[in-house]
C-alpha atoms as a PDB file:
ATOM      1  CA  MET A   1     271.479  44.966 118.265  1.00  0.00           C
ATOM      2  CA  SER A   2     273.457  48.167 118.155  1.00  0.00           C
ATOM      3  CA  SER A   3     272.111  51.336 116.326  1.00  0.00           C
ATOM      4  CA  VAL A   4     274.910  50.860 113.707  1.00  0.00           C
ATOM      5  CA  ASP A   5     273.879  47.215 113.195  1.00  0.00           C
ATOM      6  CA  LYS A   6     270.202  48.162 112.853  1.00  0.00           C
ATOM      7  CA  ALA A   7     271.198  50.890 110.343  1.00  0.00           C
ATOM      8  CA  ILE A   8     273.183  48.401 108.228  1.00  0.00           C
ATOM      9  CA  GLU A   9     270.292  45.909 108.443  1.00  0.00           C
ATOM     10  CA  TYR A  10     267.916  48.611 107.059  1.00  0.00           C
ATOM     11  CA  TYR A  11     270.524  49.363 104.304  1.00  0.00           C
ATOM     12  CA  ASN A  12     270.861  45.751 103.293  1.00  0.00           C
ATOM     13  CA  LYS A  13     267.048  45.386 103.153  1.00  0.00           C
ATOM     14  CA  GLY A  14     266.959  48.431 100.861  1.00  0.00           C
ATOM     15  CA  GLU A  15     265.086  50.572 103.354  1.00  0.00           C
ATOM     16  CA  PHE A  16     267.339  53.566 102.824  1.00  0.00           C
ATOM     17  CA  GLN A  17     265.407  56.218 104.566  1.00  0.00           C
ATOM     18  CA  SER A  18     265.198  54.178 107.820  1.00  0.00           C
ATOM     19  CA  ALA A  19     268.931  53.498 107.569  1.00  0.00           C
ATOM     20  CA  ILE A  20     269.590  57.236 107.156  1.00  0.00           C
ATOM     21  CA  ASP A  21     267.449  57.814 110.341  1.00  0.00           C
ATOM     22  CA  ALA A  22     269.332  55.110 112.230  1.00  0.00           C
ATOM     23  CA  PHE A  23     272.773  56.245 111.157  1.00  0.00           C
ATOM     24  CA  SER A  24     271.779  59.806 112.085  1.00  0.00           C
ATOM     25  CA  VAL A  25     271.037  58.800 115.619  1.00  0.00           C
ATOM     26  CA  VAL A  26     274.479  57.429 115.879  1.00  0.00           C
ATOM     27  CA  LEU A  27     275.906  60.457 114.349  1.00  0.00           C
ATOM     28  CA  GLU A  28     274.475  62.528 117.204  1.00  0.00           C
ATOM     29  CA  GLU A  29     276.905  60.721 119.533  1.00  0.00           C
ATOM     30  CA  CYS A  30     279.878  60.538 117.098  1.00  0.00           C
ATOM     31  CA  PRO A  31     279.699  63.777 115.011  1.00  0.00           C
ATOM     32  CA  GLU A  32     283.229  63.456 113.774  1.00  0.00           C
ATOM     33  CA  ASN A  33     282.866  59.974 112.375  1.00  0.00           C
ATOM     34  CA  ALA A  34     283.574  60.243 108.543  1.00  0.00           C
ATOM     35  CA  GLU A  35     282.333  56.657 107.886  1.00  0.00           C
ATOM     36  CA  LEU A  36     278.955  57.522 109.229  1.00  0.00           C
ATOM     37  CA  TYR A  37     278.586  60.423 106.764  1.00  0.00           C
ATOM     38  CA  ASN A  38     279.887  58.060 104.043  1.00  0.00           C
ATOM     39  CA  ASN A  39     277.133  55.613 104.851  1.00  0.00           C
ATOM     40  CA  ILE A  40     274.461  58.351 105.005  1.00  0.00           C
ATOM     41  CA  ALA A  41     275.497  59.477 101.655  1.00  0.00           C
ATOM     42  CA  LEU A  42     275.268  55.971 100.149  1.00  0.00           C
ATOM     43  CA  CYS A  43     271.712  55.811 101.311  1.00  0.00           C
ATOM     44  CA  TYR A  44     270.979  59.144  99.663  1.00  0.00           C
ATOM     45  CA  ALA A  45     272.598  57.981  96.585  1.00  0.00           C
ATOM     46  CA  ASN A  46     270.462  54.973  96.425  1.00  0.00           C
ATOM     47  CA  LEU A  47     267.438  57.110  96.874  1.00  0.00           C
ATOM     48  CA  GLY A  48     268.439  59.221  93.874  1.00  0.00           C
ATOM     49  CA  ASP A  49     269.018  62.327  96.041  1.00  0.00           C
ATOM     50  CA  TYR A  50     272.528  63.153  94.677  1.00  0.00           C
ATOM     51  CA  GLU A  51     272.673  66.660  96.116  1.00  0.00           C
ATOM     52  CA  LYS A  52     272.286  65.299  99.719  1.00  0.00           C
ATOM     53  CA  ALA A  53     274.653  62.413  98.856  1.00  0.00           C
ATOM     54  CA  GLU A  54     277.267  64.813  97.651  1.00  0.00           C
ATOM     55  CA  LYS A  55     276.922  66.950 100.732  1.00  0.00           C
ATOM     56  CA  ASN A  56     277.447  64.089 103.020  1.00  0.00           C
ATOM     57  CA  TYR A  57     280.428  62.662 101.029  1.00  0.00           C
ATOM     58  CA  LEU A  58     282.059  65.994 101.127  1.00  0.00           C
ATOM     59  CA  LYS A  59     281.607  66.166 104.922  1.00  0.00           C
ATOM     60  CA  ALA A  60     283.135  62.783 105.236  1.00  0.00           C
ATOM     61  CA  GLN A  61     286.123  63.933 103.075  1.00  0.00           C
ATOM     62  CA  GLU A  62     286.525  66.839 105.267  1.00  0.00           C
ATOM     63  CA  LEU A  63     286.622  64.757 108.368  1.00  0.00           C
ATOM     64  CA  ASN A  64     288.901  62.057 106.896  1.00  0.00           C
ATOM     65  CA  PRO A  65     290.524  62.995 103.650  1.00  0.00           C
ATOM     66  CA  LYS A  66     292.355  59.553 103.581  1.00  0.00           C
ATOM     67  CA  LEU A  67     289.154  57.528 103.287  1.00  0.00           C
ATOM     68  CA  PRO A  68     289.331  56.092  99.860  1.00  0.00           C
ATOM     69  CA  GLN A  69     285.740  54.838  99.659  1.00  0.00           C
ATOM     70  CA  VAL A  70     284.455  58.419  99.889  1.00  0.00           C
ATOM     71  CA  TYR A  71     286.368  59.437  96.702  1.00  0.00           C
ATOM     72  CA  ILE A  72     285.173  56.381  94.859  1.00  0.00           C
ATOM     73  CA  ASN A  73     281.565  56.655  95.859  1.00  0.00           C
ATOM     74  CA  LEU A  74     281.287  60.393  95.100  1.00  0.00           C
ATOM     75  CA  ALA A  75     283.269  59.842  91.896  1.00  0.00           C
ATOM     76  CA  ASP A  76     280.483  57.386  90.871  1.00  0.00           C
ATOM     77  CA  ILE A  77     277.944  60.164  91.136  1.00  0.00           C
ATOM     78  CA  TYR A  78     280.056  62.679  89.160  1.00  0.00           C
ATOM     79  CA  TYR A  79     280.741  60.040  86.435  1.00  0.00           C
ATOM     80  CA  ARG A  80     277.006  59.121  86.261  1.00  0.00           C
ATOM     81  CA  ASN A  81     276.102  62.755  85.876  1.00  0.00           C
ATOM     82  CA  LYS A  82     278.893  63.461  83.332  1.00  0.00           C
ATOM     83  CA  ASP A  83     280.461  65.941  85.694  1.00  0.00           C
ATOM     84  CA  MET A  84     283.950  65.406  84.559  1.00  0.00           C
ATOM     85  CA  ALA A  85     285.364  68.500  86.049  1.00  0.00           C
ATOM     86  CA  ASN A  86     284.276  67.805  89.573  1.00  0.00           C
ATOM     87  CA  GLY A  87     285.250  64.113  89.174  1.00  0.00           C
ATOM     88  CA  ILE A  88     288.803  64.948  88.003  1.00  0.00           C
ATOM     89  CA  GLY A  89     289.303  67.454  90.759  1.00  0.00           C
ATOM     90  CA  LEU A  90     287.837  65.045  93.314  1.00  0.00           C
ATOM     91  CA  ILE A  91     290.007  62.195  92.365  1.00  0.00           C
ATOM     92  CA  THR A  92     293.173  64.279  91.963  1.00  0.00           C
ATOM     93  CA  THR A  93     292.674  65.438  95.447  1.00  0.00           C
ATOM     94  CA  GLY A  94     292.237  61.730  96.621  1.00  0.00           C
ATOM     95  CA  ILE A  95     295.500  60.799  94.945  1.00  0.00           C
ATOM     96  CA  CYS A  96     297.316  63.602  96.762  1.00  0.00           C
ATOM     97  CA  GLU A  97     296.134  62.245  99.829  1.00  0.00           C
ATOM     98  CA  ILE A  98     296.455  58.487  99.060  1.00  0.00           C
ATOM     99  CA  PRO A  99     299.214  58.297  96.204  1.00  0.00           C
ATOM    100  CA  ASP A 100     299.489  54.551  96.503  1.00  0.00           C
ATOM    101  CA  ASN A 101     295.749  53.838  95.786  1.00  0.00           C
ATOM    102  CA  MET A 102     295.654  52.332  92.274  1.00  0.00           C
ATOM    103  CA  VAL A 103     291.826  52.291  92.343  1.00  0.00           C
ATOM    104  CA  LEU A 104     291.710  56.026  92.395  1.00  0.00           C
ATOM    105  CA  ARG A 105     294.222  56.238  89.570  1.00  0.00           C
ATOM    106  CA  HIS A 106     291.993  54.052  87.556  1.00  0.00           C
ATOM    107  CA  TYR A 107     289.021  56.213  88.230  1.00  0.00           C
ATOM    108  CA  LEU A 108     290.984  59.272  87.204  1.00  0.00           C
ATOM    109  CA  ALA A 109     292.039  57.452  84.000  1.00  0.00           C
ATOM    110  CA  ARG A 110     288.457  56.678  83.176  1.00  0.00           C
ATOM    111  CA  PHE A 111     287.439  60.273  83.816  1.00  0.00           C
ATOM    112  CA  TYR A 112     290.209  61.387  81.430  1.00  0.00           C
ATOM    113  CA  MET A 113     288.881  58.905  78.825  1.00  0.00           C
ATOM    114  CA  GLU A 114     285.326  60.235  79.101  1.00  0.00           C
ATOM    115  CA  ASP A 115     286.589  63.795  78.986  1.00  0.00           C
ATOM    116  CA  ALA A 116     288.717  63.046  75.852  1.00  0.00           C
ATOM    117  CA  LYS A 117     292.054  63.565  77.706  1.00  0.00           C
ATOM    118  CA  LEU A 118     293.404  60.436  76.155  1.00  0.00           C
ATOM    119  CA  ASP A 119     297.109  61.136  76.701  1.00  0.00           C
ATOM    120  CA  LEU A 120     296.554  61.801  80.511  1.00  0.00           C
ATOM    121  CA  ALA A 121     294.512  58.575  80.565  1.00  0.00           C
ATOM    122  CA  ILE A 122     297.484  56.737  79.169  1.00  0.00           C
ATOM    123  CA  ASP A 123     299.843  58.101  81.679  1.00  0.00           C
ATOM    124  CA  GLU A 124     297.643  57.137  84.544  1.00  0.00           C
ATOM    125  CA  LEU A 125     297.039  53.651  83.100  1.00  0.00           C
ATOM    126  CA  GLU A 126     300.719  53.029  82.562  1.00  0.00           C
ATOM    127  CA  THR A 127     301.407  53.985  86.075  1.00  0.00           C
ATOM    128  CA  ILE A 128     298.989  51.470  87.460  1.00  0.00           C
ATOM    129  CA  LEU A 129     300.633  48.660  85.330  1.00  0.00           C
ATOM    130  CA  GLU A 130     304.035  49.511  86.772  1.00  0.00           C
ATOM    131  CA  VAL A 131     302.572  48.584  90.201  1.00  0.00           C
ATOM    132  CA  GLN A 132     299.958  45.922  88.966  1.00  0.00           C
ATOM    133  CA  PRO A 133     301.208  44.257  85.857  1.00  0.00           C
ATOM    134  CA  ASP A 134     298.386  41.628  86.017  1.00  0.00           C
ATOM    135  CA  ASN A 135     295.513  44.134  86.020  1.00  0.00           C
ATOM    136  CA  TYR A 136     293.570  43.082  82.873  1.00  0.00           C
ATOM    137  CA  ASP A 137     290.993  45.890  83.424  1.00  0.00           C
ATOM    138  CA  VAL A 138     293.734  48.479  82.852  1.00  0.00           C
ATOM    139  CA  TYR A 139     295.103  46.494  79.756  1.00  0.00           C
ATOM    140  CA  TYR A 140     291.527  46.732  78.458  1.00  0.00           C
ATOM    141  CA  ASP A 141     291.199  50.474  78.982  1.00  0.00           C
ATOM    142  CA  LEU A 142     294.610  51.048  77.648  1.00  0.00           C
ATOM    143  CA  ALA A 143     293.728  49.027  74.376  1.00  0.00           C
ATOM    144  CA  LYS A 144     290.566  51.103  73.972  1.00  0.00           C
ATOM    145  CA  VAL A 145     292.363  54.381  74.307  1.00  0.00           C
ATOM    146  CA  HIS A 146     295.084  53.362  71.792  1.00  0.00           C
ATOM    147  CA  PHE A 147     292.369  52.136  69.428  1.00  0.00           C
ATOM    148  CA  GLU A 148     290.592  55.575  69.621  1.00  0.00           C
ATOM    149  CA  LEU A 149     293.967  57.315  69.019  1.00  0.00           C
ATOM    150  CA  GLY A 150     294.601  55.175  66.059  1.00  0.00           C
ATOM    151  CA  ASN A 151     297.573  53.436  67.687  1.00  0.00           C
ATOM    152  CA  TYR A 152     296.272  50.083  66.451  1.00  0.00           C
ATOM    153  CA  ALA A 153     299.488  48.047  67.185  1.00  0.00           C
ATOM    154  CA  CYS A 154     299.438  49.256  70.774  1.00  0.00           C
ATOM    155  CA  ALA A 155     295.686  48.405  70.877  1.00  0.00           C
ATOM    156  CA  ILE A 156     296.435  44.884  69.669  1.00  0.00           C
ATOM    157  CA  GLU A 157     299.185  44.321  72.264  1.00  0.00           C
ATOM    158  CA  ASN A 158     297.047  45.287  75.087  1.00  0.00           C
ATOM    159  CA  PHE A 159     293.964  43.345  73.948  1.00  0.00           C
ATOM    160  CA  GLU A 160     296.262  40.370  73.659  1.00  0.00           C
ATOM    161  CA  ASN A 161     297.398  40.907  77.223  1.00  0.00           C
ATOM    162  CA  VAL A 162     293.730  40.941  78.326  1.00  0.00           C
ATOM    163  CA  LEU A 163     293.263  37.435  76.689  1.00  0.00           C
ATOM    164  CA  GLU A 164     295.740  36.032  79.139  1.00  0.00           C
ATOM    165  CA  TYR A 165     293.183  36.545  81.744  1.00  0.00           C
ATOM    166  CA  LYS A 166     289.937  36.533  79.946  1.00  0.00           C
ATOM    167  CA  SER A 167     290.387  33.898  77.147  1.00  0.00           C
ATOM    168  CA  GLU A 168     286.723  33.015  77.022  1.00  0.00           C
ATOM    169  CA  ASN A 169     285.388  36.516  76.546  1.00  0.00           C
ATOM    170  CA  PRO A 170     284.005  36.872  73.047  1.00  0.00           C
ATOM    171  CA  TRP A 171     284.099  40.659  73.270  1.00  0.00           C
ATOM    172  CA  ILE A 172     287.840  40.860  73.655  1.00  0.00           C
ATOM    173  CA  TYR A 173     288.257  38.528  70.452  1.00  0.00           C
ATOM    174  CA  TYR A 174     285.784  41.012  68.759  1.00  0.00           C
ATOM    175  CA  TYR A 175     287.656  44.111  69.699  1.00  0.00           C
ATOM    176  CA  LEU A 176     290.920  42.498  68.894  1.00  0.00           C
ATOM    177  CA  GLY A 177     289.501  41.602  65.527  1.00  0.00           C
ATOM    178  CA  GLU A 178     288.529  45.285  64.996  1.00  0.00           C
ATOM    179  CA  ALA A 179     292.064  46.347  65.934  1.00  0.00           C
ATOM    180  CA  TYR A 180     293.674  43.942  63.457  1.00  0.00           C
ATOM    181  CA  GLU A 181     291.249  44.968  60.736  1.00  0.00           C
ATOM    182  CA  ALA A 182     292.045  48.648  61.338  1.00  0.00           C
ATOM    183  CA  ASN A 183     295.722  47.783  61.169  1.00  0.00           C
ATOM    184  CA  ASP A 184     295.052  46.008  57.773  1.00  0.00           C
ATOM    185  CA  GLU A 185     295.766  42.510  59.091  1.00  0.00           C
ATOM    186  CA  ILE A 186     292.715  41.021  57.681  1.00  0.00           C
ATOM    187  CA  ASP A 187     293.530  37.366  58.180  1.00  0.00           C
ATOM    188  CA  LYS A 188     294.200  37.818  61.886  1.00  0.00           C
ATOM    189  CA  ALA A 189     291.111  40.070  62.110  1.00  0.00           C
ATOM    190  CA  LEU A 190     288.894  37.335  60.617  1.00  0.00           C
ATOM    191  CA  SER A 191     290.554  34.740  62.833  1.00  0.00           C
ATOM    192  CA  ASN A 192     289.540  36.781  65.985  1.00  0.00           C
ATOM    193  CA  PHE A 193     285.969  37.316  64.867  1.00  0.00           C
ATOM    194  CA  LEU A 194     285.659  33.512  64.374  1.00  0.00           C
ATOM    195  CA  LYS A 195     287.232  32.881  67.800  1.00  0.00           C
ATOM    196  CA  ALA A 196     284.516  35.210  69.177  1.00  0.00           C
ATOM    197  CA  ILE A 197     281.833  33.166  67.630  1.00  0.00           C
ATOM    198  CA  ALA A 198     283.556  29.989  68.908  1.00  0.00           C
ATOM    199  CA  ARG A 199     283.122  31.314  72.418  1.00  0.00           C
ATOM    200  CA  ASN A 200     279.475  32.450  71.816  1.00  0.00           C
ATOM    201  CA  ASP A 201     277.614  31.069  68.836  1.00  0.00           C
ATOM    202  CA  ALA A 202     274.948  33.757  69.163  1.00  0.00           C
ATOM    203  CA  PHE A 203     277.442  36.624  69.223  1.00  0.00           C
ATOM    204  CA  ALA A 204     275.788  38.452  66.234  1.00  0.00           C
ATOM    205  CA  PRO A 205     278.202  41.424  65.731  1.00  0.00           C
ATOM    206  CA  ALA A 206     281.075  38.925  64.990  1.00  0.00           C
ATOM    207  CA  TYR A 207     278.966  37.045  62.364  1.00  0.00           C
ATOM    208  CA  LYS A 208     278.539  40.350  60.497  1.00  0.00           C
ATOM    209  CA  LYS A 209     282.157  41.149  60.668  1.00  0.00           C
ATOM    210  CA  ALA A 210     283.341  37.770  59.558  1.00  0.00           C
ATOM    211  CA  ALA A 211     280.794  37.769  56.618  1.00  0.00           C
ATOM    212  CA  ILE A 212     282.016  41.213  55.553  1.00  0.00           C
ATOM    213  CA  LEU A 213     285.746  40.152  55.691  1.00  0.00           C
ATOM    214  CA  PHE A 214     285.036  36.890  53.699  1.00  0.00           C
ATOM    215  CA  LEU A 215     283.126  38.931  51.206  1.00  0.00           C
ATOM    216  CA  ALA A 216     286.081  41.409  50.809  1.00  0.00           C
ATOM    217  CA  ARG A 217     288.382  38.554  50.178  1.00  0.00           C
ATOM    218  CA  GLY A 218     286.072  37.265  47.525  1.00  0.00           C
ATOM    219  CA  ASP A 219     285.126  34.098  49.592  1.00  0.00           C
ATOM    220  CA  TYR A 220     281.465  34.321  48.577  1.00  0.00           C
ATOM    221  CA  GLU A 221     280.330  30.935  49.830  1.00  0.00           C
ATOM    222  CA  ASP A 222     281.710  31.678  53.379  1.00  0.00           C
ATOM    223  CA  ALA A 223     280.341  35.158  53.242  1.00  0.00           C
ATOM    224  CA  MET A 224     276.797  33.984  52.425  1.00  0.00           C
ATOM    225  CA  GLU A 225     277.006  31.381  55.158  1.00  0.00           C
ATOM    226  CA  TYR A 226     277.879  33.981  57.922  1.00  0.00           C
ATOM    227  CA  PHE A 227     275.347  36.532  56.555  1.00  0.00           C
ATOM    228  CA  GLU A 228     272.758  33.810  56.565  1.00  0.00           C
ATOM    229  CA  ASP A 229     273.606  32.797  60.136  1.00  0.00           C
ATOM    230  CA  TYR A 230     273.504  36.596  61.067  1.00  0.00           C
ATOM    231  CA  THR A 231     269.990  36.963  59.826  1.00  0.00           C
ATOM    232  CA  LYS A 232     268.846  34.126  62.242  1.00  0.00           C
ATOM    233  CA  LEU A 233     270.163  35.751  65.336  1.00  0.00           C
ATOM    234  CA  ASP A 234     268.645  38.244  67.652  1.00  0.00           C
ATOM    235  CA  ILE A 235     268.957  41.340  65.452  1.00  0.00           C
ATOM    236  CA  PRO A 236     266.513  44.046  64.323  1.00  0.00           C
ATOM    237  CA  GLU A 237     264.251  42.895  61.403  1.00  0.00           C
ATOM    238  CA  GLU A 238     265.188  46.010  59.413  1.00  0.00           C
ATOM    239  CA  GLU A 239     268.962  45.060  59.775  1.00  0.00           C
ATOM    240  CA  ALA A 240     268.068  41.463  58.786  1.00  0.00           C
ATOM    241  CA  GLY A 241     266.113  42.826  55.680  1.00  0.00           C
ATOM    242  CA  LYS A 242     269.159  44.774  54.655  1.00  0.00           C
ATOM    243  CA  ILE A 243     271.331  41.697  54.911  1.00  0.00           C
ATOM    244  CA  ARG A 244     268.961  39.640  52.759  1.00  0.00           C
ATOM    245  CA  GLU A 245     268.923  42.336  50.182  1.00  0.00           C
ATOM    246  CA  LEU A 246     272.729  42.294  50.110  1.00  0.00           C
ATOM    247  CA  MET A 247     272.718  38.480  49.869  1.00  0.00           C
ATOM    248  CA  GLU A 248     270.477  38.642  46.876  1.00  0.00           C
ATOM    249  CA  ARG A 249     272.822  41.133  45.088  1.00  0.00           C
ATOM    250  CA  ILE A 250     275.679  38.765  45.928  1.00  0.00           C
ATOM    251  CA  LYS A 251     273.739  35.811  44.297  1.00  0.00           C
ATOM    252  CA  LYS A 252     272.974  37.905  41.184  1.00  0.00           C
ATOM    253  CA  LYS A 253     276.751  38.859  40.843  1.00  0.00           C
ATOM    254  CA  GLN A 254     277.810  35.257  41.206  1.00  0.00           C
ATOM    255  CA  ASN A 255     275.331  34.179  38.562  1.00  0.00           C
ATOM    256  CA  GLY A 256     276.599  36.753  36.190  1.00  0.00           C
END
């Protein structure tokens, strides 16, 4: 077994320090190998030593600035540590080196989202969709950005696009319901909350939303039914208690 194979075996077993030692032996023979520095950095990252991981990623980048995995791996560290400035700078450099890499553009968009640079995030996400019109992850991020900006019609359009690929995901129906609700399309909002429940009958947030909308429409019987179902799900007891109190007030109002 070669030294590299041995190092990879250690890595796959989670023996990261042993993997570092093995990769370092190979590095003595191939000191200009960017992938070796990337692999060593991965090991340090798994050990939680982000300072040494960053140092080795940057060395890999210096040796081969067109190695996309280096940018992605180091970006993960910056993102985890909420270091938006270094993350944006790193990925911007990566895009300059590898302009056709849409994964890097998506990382940049997510850094912009986290850094509240939403217009810049939209620019990157729309650029990706020009190349990858079937990228449902990008539609999802674009929907979330538009929702945060209050562009509810655009959020709806993009969540609807996600459903073409993730039609069984209750969260997408839930978010779509929220977007319709914010856009004052209550019937469509309610329909999507019910669709979320149909895909997962233990999906607590959708029960509460559906109950509230039924209540707002004056459909007390349906509201009570969904509030009751909600209290039986896995929710905090304090929350369940508040809902039971609300249900009692509704009953008193109905009884005049």
